[in-house]
Protein backbone atom coordinates (compact mmCIF):
# COMPACT_ATOMS: atom_id res chain seq x y z
CA MET A 1 274.06 29.82 66.92
CA LYS A 2 272.73 27.19 64.54
CA GLY A 3 274.17 23.73 64.91
CA TYR A 4 275.78 24.38 68.30
CA ARG A 5 274.71 24.54 71.91
CA PHE A 6 276.32 25.70 75.13
CA VAL A 7 276.80 23.28 78.02
CA ASP A 8 278.07 23.76 81.57
CA ARG A 9 279.48 20.26 82.06
CA LEU A 10 281.22 17.78 79.81
CA ASN A 11 280.33 14.15 79.26
CA GLU A 12 283.03 11.49 79.01
CA ASN A 13 283.53 11.85 75.24
CA GLN A 14 283.67 15.64 75.44
CA THR A 15 286.25 15.39 78.22
CA ARG A 16 288.37 13.26 75.88
CA ASP A 17 287.83 15.87 73.15
CA LEU A 18 289.16 18.51 75.55
CA TRP A 19 292.18 16.34 76.35
CA GLN A 20 292.85 16.07 72.60
CA PHE A 21 292.57 19.87 72.20
CA TYR A 22 295.17 20.25 74.97
CA GLN A 23 297.57 17.77 73.34
CA GLU A 24 297.58 19.85 70.14
CA GLU A 25 298.79 23.09 71.79
CA TRP A 26 302.23 23.96 73.18
CA TRP A 27 300.78 25.64 76.26
CA THR A 28 298.70 22.62 77.36
CA ARG A 29 300.47 19.63 75.81
CA GLY A 30 301.16 16.86 78.28
CA ARG A 31 298.12 17.36 80.48
CA ARG A 32 296.85 14.01 81.68
CA LEU A 33 293.24 12.92 81.27
CA GLU A 34 292.98 12.17 85.00
CA ASP A 35 294.15 15.70 85.84
CA ILE A 36 291.65 17.21 83.40
CA GLU A 37 288.81 15.26 85.03
CA ASN A 38 289.95 16.57 88.42
CA MET A 39 290.23 20.13 87.08
CA LEU A 40 286.70 19.99 85.66
CA GLY A 41 285.36 18.87 89.01
CA HIS A 42 286.99 21.81 90.80
CA SER A 43 286.26 24.62 88.31
CA ASP A 44 283.58 27.05 89.46
CA LEU A 45 282.05 27.60 86.01
CA ILE A 46 282.49 25.81 82.71
CA PHE A 47 281.49 27.24 79.34
CA ALA A 48 281.62 24.77 76.49
CA LEU A 49 280.34 24.88 72.93
CA VAL A 50 279.18 21.54 71.51
CA GLU A 51 278.30 20.66 67.93
CA GLU A 52 274.69 19.45 68.04
CA ALA A 53 274.89 16.92 65.20
CA SER A 54 277.90 15.02 66.57
CA ASP A 55 277.86 16.05 70.27
CA ARG A 56 281.58 16.85 69.81
CA LEU A 57 283.23 19.56 71.84
CA ALA A 58 283.99 22.61 69.69
CA GLY A 59 285.27 25.10 72.26
CA PHE A 60 285.90 25.38 75.98
CA SER A 61 286.72 27.81 78.76
CA ARG A 62 286.44 27.81 82.52
CA VAL A 63 286.21 30.37 85.30
CA LEU A 64 287.47 30.43 88.86
CA THR A 65 285.61 32.99 90.92
CA ASP A 66 284.69 34.15 94.41
CA TYR A 67 281.23 35.12 93.03
CA VAL A 68 281.60 38.62 94.49
CA TYR A 69 284.62 40.57 93.21
CA LYS A 70 286.90 38.44 91.13
CA ALA A 71 286.73 36.00 88.25
CA LEU A 72 289.61 34.49 86.33
CA VAL A 73 288.94 33.10 82.84
CA LEU A 74 291.21 30.16 82.00
CA ASP A 75 291.87 27.63 79.24
CA VAL A 76 290.02 29.34 76.39
CA ILE A 77 290.48 26.86 73.54
CA VAL A 78 288.78 25.97 70.25
CA GLY A 79 289.28 22.63 68.52
CA ARG A 80 291.26 22.77 65.27
CA ASP A 81 288.34 21.38 63.26
CA PHE A 82 286.18 24.27 64.43
CA ARG A 83 288.55 27.20 63.87
CA ASN A 84 288.08 29.74 61.09
CA ASN A 85 284.43 28.78 60.62
CA ALA A 86 281.79 31.43 60.20
CA TRP A 87 278.96 30.59 62.61
CA GLU A 88 275.46 31.81 62.00
CA TRP A 89 273.87 33.26 65.12
CA SER A 90 270.15 32.84 65.48
């Protein structure tokens, strides 16, 4: 995907971006930054899409898993500025 890259951990600014994404949605509004930092530290897998030019978080999801039988995908979210954009895959 041109202009974007996947990362498996968030830096401080991207964590704040995620907090902002959460504040904009009814199902995650009110989450505290400290709780999000704690959640990130205890999630088994993190899948995040970052805009290369700005290093801004574009999308995020996380997985809790036993690495054998089960995996639960949680918090799939895309920032409002990045929705409805056609991405070119390369």
